[in-house]
C-alpha cells in the first residue's frame, strides 16, 4: 500500500489515504507513456509555419534577360529559389501535427501515468480549494507555498469543470488545471507534481476499486 498525503487549503498535511498501486496499473508502462507524451506534445503544435513559394513572391513576371547571346545561363524568372528574394524551395507549409492513440491505450496510459507519479511520491490531494464561490489566486498560491510546491510544475485535477479553480490557477506559472474524466497522460507527465482535489481523489478511488 502507498500513502497519498492530503493537505488542507493552507498546505498543511491533515491525513493520508492508502491505495494499492497495482489497482492503477501492474507496472509503469514506460514505452506507452513515451508514446502518449509524444502524441500530446505533437497535438500542442500550432503548425502555422509557412514560407512563400516561387508563385507567391512578388516580381519576376518577365525574363530577367534574353535567352541567348549574353554569356550567362538562361533564366526564366527572378522568383526562382536561387535568386535573392525568390521563393523558397521545399519550405514548411501549414499542417496538422496532432494524432491520437487508440482509446484503450489512452485509458491505460492515464492509469500508468498515475502509477508513475504515485511511485515517485509526487501524488497528493487537497481539501478546500474546489468549489470556491469566486476565483482566488491568492488561495491557490498560499496552498502551493504551504505544501512546498511553489515555483514547481503542478497539475491540479478536479472532479468536473471547476471554473473558479481554473481561473484561480491560470496566472500562476507552471500550474495547470484538468478535469479527471478528461485527463491525459501527457498532461500528467508534463507537470512533476499531481494534486487531486478531495472530490476527484474519492471518485478515482471508487473507480479503481470496482
Protein backbone atom coordinates (compact mmCIF):
# COMPACT_ATOMS: atom_id res chain seq x y z
CA UNK A 1 0.00 0.00 0.00
CA UNK A 2 1.13 3.56 -0.74
CA UNK A 3 0.02 6.64 1.18
CA UNK A 4 -1.35 9.68 -0.66
CA UNK A 5 -0.95 12.78 1.54
CA UNK A 6 -4.00 15.02 1.86
CA UNK A 7 -3.50 18.74 2.58
CA UNK A 8 -5.89 21.48 3.62
CA UNK A 9 -6.20 24.77 1.74
CA UNK A 10 -3.30 26.28 3.67
CA UNK A 11 -0.93 23.49 2.61
CA UNK A 12 -0.82 21.72 5.99
CA UNK A 13 -0.98 17.92 5.88
CA UNK A 14 -4.14 16.55 7.52
CA UNK A 15 -4.19 12.84 6.75
CA UNK A 16 -3.15 10.05 4.39
CA UNK A 17 -5.18 7.87 2.06
CA UNK A 18 -3.86 4.37 1.48
CA UNK A 19 -4.06 2.96 -2.04
CA UNK A 20 -2.69 -0.16 -3.67
CA UNK A 21 -0.57 0.96 -6.66
CA UNK A 22 -1.44 -2.19 -8.61
CA UNK A 23 -5.09 -1.14 -8.87
CA UNK A 24 -3.91 1.70 -11.10
CA UNK A 25 -1.53 -0.43 -13.16
CA UNK A 26 0.51 -3.57 -12.54
CA UNK A 27 3.66 -1.71 -13.53
CA UNK A 28 4.69 1.58 -15.12
CA UNK A 29 4.49 1.12 -18.90
CA UNK A 30 7.33 3.39 -19.96
CA UNK A 31 7.02 2.71 -23.70
CA UNK A 32 3.31 3.59 -23.63
CA UNK A 33 3.97 6.72 -21.58
CA UNK A 34 6.60 7.86 -24.04
CA UNK A 35 4.22 7.40 -26.97
CA UNK A 36 1.47 9.23 -25.08
CA UNK A 37 3.77 12.16 -24.31
CA UNK A 38 4.88 12.41 -27.94
CA UNK A 39 1.25 12.40 -29.10
CA UNK A 40 0.34 15.05 -26.52
CA UNK A 41 3.21 17.36 -27.47
CA UNK A 42 2.50 16.87 -31.17
CA UNK A 43 -1.10 17.94 -30.58
CA UNK A 44 0.10 21.17 -28.94
CA UNK A 45 1.96 22.30 -32.06
CA UNK A 46 0.23 25.09 -33.97
CA UNK A 47 1.60 24.02 -37.32
CA UNK A 48 1.25 27.55 -38.74
CA UNK A 49 4.78 27.76 -40.18
CA UNK A 50 4.79 28.99 -43.78
CA UNK A 51 7.24 30.23 -46.42
CA UNK A 52 6.47 31.73 -49.82
CA UNK A 53 6.88 29.53 -52.85
CA UNK A 54 8.05 30.91 -56.19
CA UNK A 55 4.45 31.51 -57.26
CA UNK A 56 3.79 33.65 -54.18
CA UNK A 57 6.66 36.17 -54.19
CA UNK A 58 6.36 39.47 -56.00
CA UNK A 59 8.01 40.46 -59.29
CA UNK A 60 9.76 38.43 -61.94
CA UNK A 61 6.92 38.00 -64.39
CA UNK A 62 9.29 38.72 -67.30
CA UNK A 63 12.55 37.03 -68.20
CA UNK A 64 15.44 38.83 -66.45
CA UNK A 65 17.47 38.78 -69.71
CA UNK A 66 17.17 37.36 -73.21
CA UNK A 67 17.59 33.64 -73.80
CA UNK A 68 20.78 33.72 -75.90
CA UNK A 69 23.82 35.88 -76.54
CA UNK A 70 24.56 37.20 -73.07
CA UNK A 71 27.04 34.53 -71.99
CA UNK A 72 25.05 33.86 -68.90
CA UNK A 73 22.87 30.89 -68.05
CA UNK A 74 19.32 31.10 -69.27
CA UNK A 75 16.77 32.24 -66.68
CA UNK A 76 13.01 32.47 -66.81
CA UNK A 77 12.18 34.41 -63.65
CA UNK A 78 13.88 36.02 -60.68
CA UNK A 79 11.30 34.35 -58.45
CA UNK A 80 13.27 31.10 -58.71
CA UNK A 81 14.70 29.84 -55.38
CA UNK A 82 18.34 30.50 -56.30
CA UNK A 83 17.71 34.26 -56.70
CA UNK A 84 17.87 36.60 -53.72
CA UNK A 85 14.28 37.40 -52.81
CA UNK A 86 12.99 34.39 -54.70
CA UNK A 87 10.63 31.76 -53.41
CA UNK A 88 11.75 29.05 -51.02
CA UNK A 89 12.12 25.50 -52.29
CA UNK A 90 10.74 22.67 -50.14
CA UNK A 91 9.95 25.03 -47.27
CA UNK A 92 7.44 24.31 -44.48
CA UNK A 93 3.72 24.69 -45.08
CA UNK A 94 0.80 24.75 -42.61
CA UNK A 95 -0.05 21.27 -41.38
CA UNK A 96 -1.73 19.45 -38.53
CA UNK A 97 0.73 17.50 -36.39
CA UNK A 98 -1.83 16.05 -34.00
CA UNK A 99 -2.69 12.39 -33.78
CA UNK A 100 -4.46 10.21 -31.23
CA UNK A 101 -3.68 6.85 -29.75
CA UNK A 102 -6.43 4.21 -29.64
CA UNK A 103 -8.92 4.74 -26.83
CA UNK A 104 -7.85 1.70 -24.81
CA UNK A 105 -4.23 2.80 -24.98
CA UNK A 106 -5.14 6.32 -23.84
CA UNK A 107 -7.03 4.97 -20.84
CA UNK A 108 -4.21 2.60 -19.94
CA UNK A 109 -1.66 5.38 -20.32
CA UNK A 110 -3.54 7.60 -17.84
CA UNK A 111 -3.56 4.85 -15.21
CA UNK A 112 0.09 4.07 -15.83
CA UNK A 113 0.98 7.77 -15.53
CA UNK A 114 -0.90 7.94 -12.23
CA UNK A 115 1.04 4.90 -11.03
CA UNK A 116 4.27 6.60 -12.13
CA UNK A 117 3.56 9.73 -10.07
CA UNK A 118 2.43 7.61 -7.13
CA UNK A 119 5.68 5.62 -7.16
CA UNK A 120 7.64 8.89 -7.30
CA UNK A 121 5.82 10.30 -4.28
CA UNK A 122 4.51 13.20 -6.38
CA UNK A 123 0.82 12.33 -5.93
CA UNK A 124 -1.19 14.27 -3.34
CA UNK A 125 -4.65 15.72 -2.68
CA UNK A 126 -6.08 18.97 -1.32
CA UNK A 127 -9.29 19.79 0.54
CA UNK A 128 -10.97 23.17 0.48
CA UNK A 129 -9.79 24.59 -2.85
CA UNK A 130 -12.53 23.15 -5.06
CA UNK A 131 -15.97 24.70 -5.31
CA UNK A 132 -14.99 28.25 -4.31
CA UNK A 133 -17.59 31.00 -4.76
CA UNK A 134 -15.18 33.14 -6.77
CA UNK A 135 -11.65 32.90 -8.23
CA UNK A 136 -8.95 33.28 -5.57
CA UNK A 137 -5.43 33.18 -6.95
CA UNK A 138 -4.09 34.09 -3.51
CA UNK A 139 -5.66 30.95 -2.03
CA UNK A 140 -4.04 28.68 -4.63
CA UNK A 141 -0.69 30.45 -4.25
CA UNK A 142 -0.94 30.10 -0.47
CA UNK A 143 -1.60 26.39 -0.75
CA UNK A 144 1.37 25.89 -3.08
CA UNK A 145 3.65 27.75 -0.69
CA UNK A 146 2.40 25.85 2.35
CA UNK A 147 2.71 22.47 0.62
CA UNK A 148 6.22 23.23 -0.64
CA UNK A 149 5.16 23.31 -4.28
CA UNK A 150 5.76 27.00 -5.00
CA UNK A 151 7.59 27.51 -8.29
CA UNK A 152 7.24 23.85 -9.26
CA UNK A 153 5.21 22.25 -12.00
CA UNK A 154 1.78 21.31 -10.62
CA UNK A 155 -1.26 19.75 -12.26
CA UNK A 156 -4.49 20.18 -10.30
CA UNK A 157 -7.14 17.59 -11.11
CA UNK A 158 -10.75 18.48 -10.34
CA UNK A 159 -13.90 16.40 -10.45
CA UNK A 160 -15.87 18.00 -13.25
CA UNK A 161 -15.38 21.50 -14.57
CA UNK A 162 -14.32 23.82 -11.72
CA UNK A 163 -14.15 27.18 -13.46
CA UNK A 164 -13.16 29.15 -10.35
CA UNK A 165 -10.24 26.82 -9.63
CA UNK A 166 -9.15 27.17 -13.26
CA UNK A 167 -9.35 30.97 -13.09
CA UNK A 168 -7.51 30.98 -9.75
CA UNK A 169 -4.58 28.97 -11.11
CA UNK A 170 -4.21 30.17 -14.68
CA UNK A 171 -1.98 33.15 -13.84
CA UNK A 172 0.46 31.07 -11.79
CA UNK A 173 3.45 29.85 -13.77
CA UNK A 174 3.89 26.10 -14.23
CA UNK A 175 0.41 25.41 -12.82
CA UNK A 176 -2.40 23.80 -14.81
CA UNK A 177 -5.91 22.53 -14.04
CA UNK A 178 -7.52 19.50 -15.69
CA UNK A 179 -10.74 17.53 -15.28
CA UNK A 180 -10.40 13.96 -14.04
CA UNK A 181 -12.67 12.50 -16.71
CA UNK A 182 -10.69 14.29 -19.45
CA UNK A 183 -7.23 13.61 -18.03
CA UNK A 184 -4.44 12.92 -20.49
CA UNK A 185 -1.23 11.03 -19.73
CA UNK A 186 0.74 13.77 -21.49
CA UNK A 187 -0.60 16.37 -19.06
CA UNK A 188 0.43 14.25 -16.08
CA UNK A 189 3.94 13.77 -17.45
CA UNK A 190 4.34 17.47 -18.27
CA UNK A 191 3.87 18.56 -14.64
CA UNK A 192 6.11 16.99 -11.99
CA UNK A 193 3.52 17.16 -9.18
CA UNK A 194 -0.01 15.83 -9.31
CA UNK A 195 -2.59 17.31 -6.92
CA UNK A 196 -6.14 15.92 -6.91
CA UNK A 197 -8.99 17.73 -5.24
CA UNK A 198 -10.55 15.64 -2.46
CA UNK A 199 -13.63 15.03 -4.60
CA UNK A 200 -11.59 13.89 -7.58
CA UNK A 201 -9.49 11.56 -5.43
CA UNK A 202 -12.56 9.99 -3.86
CA UNK A 203 -14.03 9.41 -7.32
CA UNK A 204 -10.74 7.86 -8.50
CA UNK A 205 -10.55 5.51 -5.52
CA UNK A 206 -14.14 4.35 -6.11
CA UNK A 207 -13.47 3.88 -9.81
CA UNK A 208 -10.33 1.74 -9.40
CA UNK A 209 -11.99 -0.29 -6.62
CA UNK A 210 -14.68 -1.59 -8.97
